[in-house]
Amino acid sequence: MRKVLEIISAYGHENIKATHKTTFEITKEKDLTPRGDCIIGVRADKSIRDINDDLKRILRREVRVEVVLNLPDYGLEERLFGFGSKRMSFEDENDVVVRKSDFVCGRTLLIKSNKAARDLNREFVELLRDRKTLIEMLVVVEK
């Protein structure tokens, strides 16, 4: 049985490019410079530090986890997967990062992901260039 363990909500921004080759990020920051090529959402309601303890425990077991990126106003979604790591600290107060590599820092939610920012559907990314676009990041695990 699959269960959604966390939902992180954020919004689009006109400077979203989503061209980074190895990561994507959602941040609590309100603004975004054109240099932030991995960012896909701003004004997030949670950072990595804020995710629930059940999910943190599961991720430290290094299991495969699914992420659904949802644009509820448009009926579009992107699905991807990655893995947790026992090295995760979940300490950053602003960001949530998903990585294709196995690098871990205080912002990391998943490693060894099958998608980064540049792998997202371009129609999906175009909609994220509007500040009113809501993006939801659902973290789904097998229970």
C-alpha atoms as a PDB file:
ATOM      1  CA  MET A   1       0.000   0.000   0.000  1.00  0.00           C
ATOM      2  CA  ARG A   2       1.291   3.450  -0.907  1.00  0.00           C
ATOM      3  CA  LYS A   3       0.937   6.395   1.437  1.00  0.00           C
ATOM      4  CA  VAL A   4       1.579  10.136   1.038  1.00  0.00           C
ATOM      5  CA  LEU A   5       3.787  11.033   4.007  1.00  0.00           C
ATOM      6  CA  GLU A   6       4.420  14.681   3.198  1.00  0.00           C
ATOM      7  CA  ILE A   7       3.073  17.470   1.031  1.00  0.00           C
ATOM      8  CA  ILE A   8       5.160  20.580   0.437  1.00  0.00           C
ATOM      9  CA  SER A   9       3.453  23.476  -1.330  1.00  0.00           C
ATOM     10  CA  ALA A  10       5.268  26.251  -3.201  1.00  0.00           C
ATOM     11  CA  TYR A  11       4.648  28.739  -6.004  1.00  0.00           C
ATOM     12  CA  GLY A  12       6.067  29.630  -9.367  1.00  0.00           C
ATOM     13  CA  HIS A  13       8.250  32.614 -10.227  1.00  0.00           C
ATOM     14  CA  GLU A  14       9.051  34.335 -13.527  1.00  0.00           C
ATOM     15  CA  ASN A  15      12.769  33.458 -13.222  1.00  0.00           C
ATOM     16  CA  ILE A  16      12.252  29.691 -13.019  1.00  0.00           C
ATOM     17  CA  LYS A  17      14.372  28.003 -15.675  1.00  0.00           C
ATOM     18  CA  ALA A  18      14.566  24.396 -14.422  1.00  0.00           C
ATOM     19  CA  THR A  19      17.667  23.651 -16.506  1.00  0.00           C
ATOM     20  CA  HIS A  20      19.985  22.131 -13.875  1.00  0.00           C
ATOM     21  CA  LYS A  21      21.352  18.728 -14.886  1.00  0.00           C
ATOM     22  CA  THR A  22      21.611  17.036 -11.505  1.00  0.00           C
ATOM     23  CA  THR A  23      19.198  18.626  -8.987  1.00  0.00           C
ATOM     24  CA  PHE A  24      15.934  20.387  -8.396  1.00  0.00           C
ATOM     25  CA  GLU A  25      14.982  22.503  -5.422  1.00  0.00           C
ATOM     26  CA  ILE A  26      11.976  24.019  -3.684  1.00  0.00           C
ATOM     27  CA  THR A  27      12.730  26.924  -1.357  1.00  0.00           C
ATOM     28  CA  LYS A  28      11.040  29.122   1.239  1.00  0.00           C
ATOM     29  CA  GLU A  29      12.761  32.147  -0.345  1.00  0.00           C
ATOM     30  CA  LYS A  30      10.317  34.625  -1.837  1.00  0.00           C
ATOM     31  CA  ASP A  31      12.426  35.682  -4.816  1.00  0.00           C
ATOM     32  CA  LEU A  32      14.650  33.982  -7.338  1.00  0.00           C
ATOM     33  CA  THR A  33      17.484  35.371  -9.422  1.00  0.00           C
ATOM     34  CA  PRO A  34      18.059  34.051 -12.958  1.00  0.00           C
ATOM     35  CA  ARG A  35      21.097  32.146 -11.579  1.00  0.00           C
ATOM     36  CA  GLY A  36      18.836  29.701  -9.665  1.00  0.00           C
ATOM     37  CA  ASP A  37      18.540  27.180 -12.484  1.00  0.00           C
ATOM     38  CA  CYS A  38      17.622  24.241 -10.232  1.00  0.00           C
ATOM     39  CA  ILE A  39      14.735  25.945  -8.409  1.00  0.00           C
ATOM     40  CA  ILE A  40      11.210  24.895  -9.384  1.00  0.00           C
ATOM     41  CA  GLY A  41       9.230  26.555  -6.580  1.00  0.00           C
ATOM     42  CA  VAL A  42       9.515  29.494  -4.163  1.00  0.00           C
ATOM     43  CA  ARG A  43       7.545  30.586  -1.079  1.00  0.00           C
ATOM     44  CA  ALA A  44       7.426  26.968   0.123  1.00  0.00           C
ATOM     45  CA  ASP A  45       5.427  26.184   3.253  1.00  0.00           C
ATOM     46  CA  LYS A  46       8.132  23.765   4.500  1.00  0.00           C
ATOM     47  CA  SER A  47      11.862  23.200   4.371  1.00  0.00           C
ATOM     48  CA  ILE A  48      13.670  19.909   4.799  1.00  0.00           C
ATOM     49  CA  ARG A  49      13.842  20.606   8.529  1.00  0.00           C
ATOM     50  CA  ASP A  50      10.009  20.796   8.689  1.00  0.00           C
ATOM     51  CA  ILE A  51       9.181  17.410   7.164  1.00  0.00           C
ATOM     52  CA  ASN A  52       7.612  14.941   9.550  1.00  0.00           C
ATOM     53  CA  ASP A  53       9.631  12.566  11.699  1.00  0.00           C
ATOM     54  CA  ASP A  54       8.075   9.423  10.160  1.00  0.00           C
ATOM     55  CA  LEU A  55       9.397  10.402   6.744  1.00  0.00           C
ATOM     56  CA  LYS A  56      12.841  11.262   8.167  1.00  0.00           C
ATOM     57  CA  ARG A  57      13.000   7.797   9.782  1.00  0.00           C
ATOM     58  CA  ILE A  58      12.004   6.084   6.539  1.00  0.00           C
ATOM     59  CA  LEU A  59      14.503   8.079   4.459  1.00  0.00           C
ATOM     60  CA  ARG A  60      17.340   7.155   6.820  1.00  0.00           C
ATOM     61  CA  ARG A  61      16.591   3.490   5.971  1.00  0.00           C
ATOM     62  CA  GLU A  62      17.787   4.266   2.409  1.00  0.00           C
ATOM     63  CA  VAL A  63      14.566   3.057   0.789  1.00  0.00           C
ATOM     64  CA  ARG A  64      13.191   4.062  -2.595  1.00  0.00           C
ATOM     65  CA  VAL A  65      10.668   6.904  -2.361  1.00  0.00           C
ATOM     66  CA  GLU A  66       8.377   8.350  -5.015  1.00  0.00           C
ATOM     67  CA  VAL A  67       7.805  12.073  -5.484  1.00  0.00           C
ATOM     68  CA  VAL A  68       4.816  13.463  -7.364  1.00  0.00           C
ATOM     69  CA  LEU A  69       5.144  17.078  -8.488  1.00  0.00           C
ATOM     70  CA  ASN A  70       1.597  18.276  -9.011  1.00  0.00           C
ATOM     71  CA  LEU A  71       0.174  21.439 -10.588  1.00  0.00           C
ATOM     72  CA  PRO A  72      -3.380  21.085  -9.243  1.00  0.00           C
ATOM     73  CA  ASP A  73      -4.776  24.074 -11.161  1.00  0.00           C
ATOM     74  CA  TYR A  74      -3.696  22.525 -14.480  1.00  0.00           C
ATOM     75  CA  GLY A  75      -4.119  18.793 -13.885  1.00  0.00           C
ATOM     76  CA  LEU A  76      -0.443  18.168 -14.677  1.00  0.00           C
ATOM     77  CA  GLU A  77       2.006  16.070 -12.720  1.00  0.00           C
ATOM     78  CA  GLU A  78       5.547  14.738 -12.917  1.00  0.00           C
ATOM     79  CA  ARG A  79       6.536  11.504 -11.200  1.00  0.00           C
ATOM     80  CA  LEU A  80      10.030  10.543 -10.153  1.00  0.00           C
ATOM     81  CA  PHE A  81      11.826   8.443  -7.600  1.00  0.00           C
ATOM     82  CA  GLY A  82      14.953   8.581  -5.502  1.00  0.00           C
ATOM     83  CA  PHE A  83      16.430   7.180  -2.323  1.00  0.00           C
ATOM     84  CA  GLY A  84      17.083   8.220   1.232  1.00  0.00           C
ATOM     85  CA  SER A  85      20.398   7.921   3.046  1.00  0.00           C
ATOM     86  CA  LYS A  86      21.483   7.299   6.612  1.00  0.00           C
ATOM     87  CA  ARG A  87      23.774  10.342   6.166  1.00  0.00           C
ATOM     88  CA  MET A  88      20.838  12.781   5.901  1.00  0.00           C
ATOM     89  CA  SER A  89      20.602  15.446   8.613  1.00  0.00           C
ATOM     90  CA  PHE A  90      17.430  17.340   7.540  1.00  0.00           C
ATOM     91  CA  GLU A  91      18.735  20.572   9.071  1.00  0.00           C
ATOM     92  CA  ASP A  92      18.259  23.310   6.464  1.00  0.00           C
ATOM     93  CA  GLU A  93      15.630  25.928   7.318  1.00  0.00           C
ATOM     94  CA  ASN A  94      14.896  27.105   3.754  1.00  0.00           C
ATOM     95  CA  ASP A  95      15.283  24.433   1.095  1.00  0.00           C
ATOM     96  CA  VAL A  96      14.390  20.928  -0.082  1.00  0.00           C
ATOM     97  CA  VAL A  97      16.723  19.420  -2.707  1.00  0.00           C
ATOM     98  CA  VAL A  98      16.417  16.260  -4.823  1.00  0.00           C
ATOM     99  CA  ARG A  99      19.663  15.042  -6.435  1.00  0.00           C
ATOM    100  CA  LYS A 100      20.677  12.603  -9.173  1.00  0.00           C
ATOM    101  CA  SER A 101      24.033  12.145  -7.443  1.00  0.00           C
ATOM    102  CA  ASP A 102      24.639  10.558  -4.050  1.00  0.00           C
ATOM    103  CA  PHE A 103      25.832  13.839  -2.484  1.00  0.00           C
ATOM    104  CA  VAL A 104      24.143  14.554   0.861  1.00  0.00           C
ATOM    105  CA  CYS A 105      23.985  17.836   2.774  1.00  0.00           C
ATOM    106  CA  GLY A 106      21.533  19.439   5.201  1.00  0.00           C
ATOM    107  CA  ARG A 107      19.138  20.344   2.351  1.00  0.00           C
ATOM    108  CA  THR A 108      18.884  16.894   0.741  1.00  0.00           C
ATOM    109  CA  LEU A 109      15.555  15.025   0.547  1.00  0.00           C
ATOM    110  CA  LEU A 110      16.496  12.347  -2.010  1.00  0.00           C
ATOM    111  CA  ILE A 111      19.599  11.086  -3.781  1.00  0.00           C
ATOM    112  CA  LYS A 112      20.011   8.924  -6.910  1.00  0.00           C
ATOM    113  CA  SER A 113      16.872  10.473  -8.379  1.00  0.00           C
ATOM    114  CA  ASN A 114      15.831   9.550 -11.888  1.00  0.00           C
ATOM    115  CA  LYS A 115      15.009  13.218 -12.682  1.00  0.00           C
ATOM    116  CA  ALA A 116      16.534  16.653 -12.209  1.00  0.00           C
ATOM    117  CA  ALA A 117      15.157  20.091 -13.119  1.00  0.00           C
ATOM    118  CA  ARG A 118      16.055  19.833 -16.812  1.00  0.00           C
ATOM    119  CA  ASP A 119      14.226  16.498 -17.121  1.00  0.00           C
ATOM    120  CA  LEU A 120      10.844  18.042 -16.280  1.00  0.00           C
ATOM    121  CA  ASN A 121       8.271  18.497 -19.023  1.00  0.00           C
ATOM    122  CA  ARG A 122       8.734  21.945 -20.592  1.00  0.00           C
ATOM    123  CA  GLU A 123       4.978  22.700 -20.547  1.00  0.00           C
ATOM    124  CA  PHE A 124       5.082  22.010 -16.806  1.00  0.00           C
ATOM    125  CA  VAL A 125       8.094  24.349 -16.389  1.00  0.00           C
ATOM    126  CA  GLU A 126       6.470  27.098 -18.465  1.00  0.00           C
ATOM    127  CA  LEU A 127       3.478  27.138 -16.097  1.00  0.00           C
ATOM    128  CA  LEU A 128       5.897  27.491 -13.164  1.00  0.00           C
ATOM    129  CA  ARG A 129       7.001  30.864 -14.569  1.00  0.00           C
ATOM    130  CA  ASP A 130       3.789  32.391 -13.198  1.00  0.00           C
ATOM    131  CA  ARG A 131       3.850  33.495  -9.532  1.00  0.00           C
ATOM    132  CA  LYS A 132       0.242  32.306  -9.107  1.00  0.00           C
ATOM    133  CA  THR A 133       0.995  28.693 -10.099  1.00  0.00           C
ATOM    134  CA  LEU A 134       0.798  26.349  -7.124  1.00  0.00           C
ATOM    135  CA  ILE A 135       3.159  23.357  -7.134  1.00  0.00           C
ATOM    136  CA  GLU A 136       2.695  20.527  -4.658  1.00  0.00           C
ATOM    137  CA  MET A 137       5.452  18.051  -3.901  1.00  0.00           C
ATOM    138  CA  LEU A 138       3.966  14.811  -2.573  1.00  0.00           C
ATOM    139  CA  VAL A 139       6.356  12.304  -1.008  1.00  0.00           C
ATOM    140  CA  VAL A 140       4.951   8.789  -1.344  1.00  0.00           C
ATOM    141  CA  VAL A 141       6.248   5.635   0.359  1.00  0.00           C
ATOM    142  CA  GLU A 142       5.321   1.966   0.416  1.00  0.00           C
ATOM    143  CA  LYS A 143       3.703   1.086   3.769  1.00  0.00           C
END
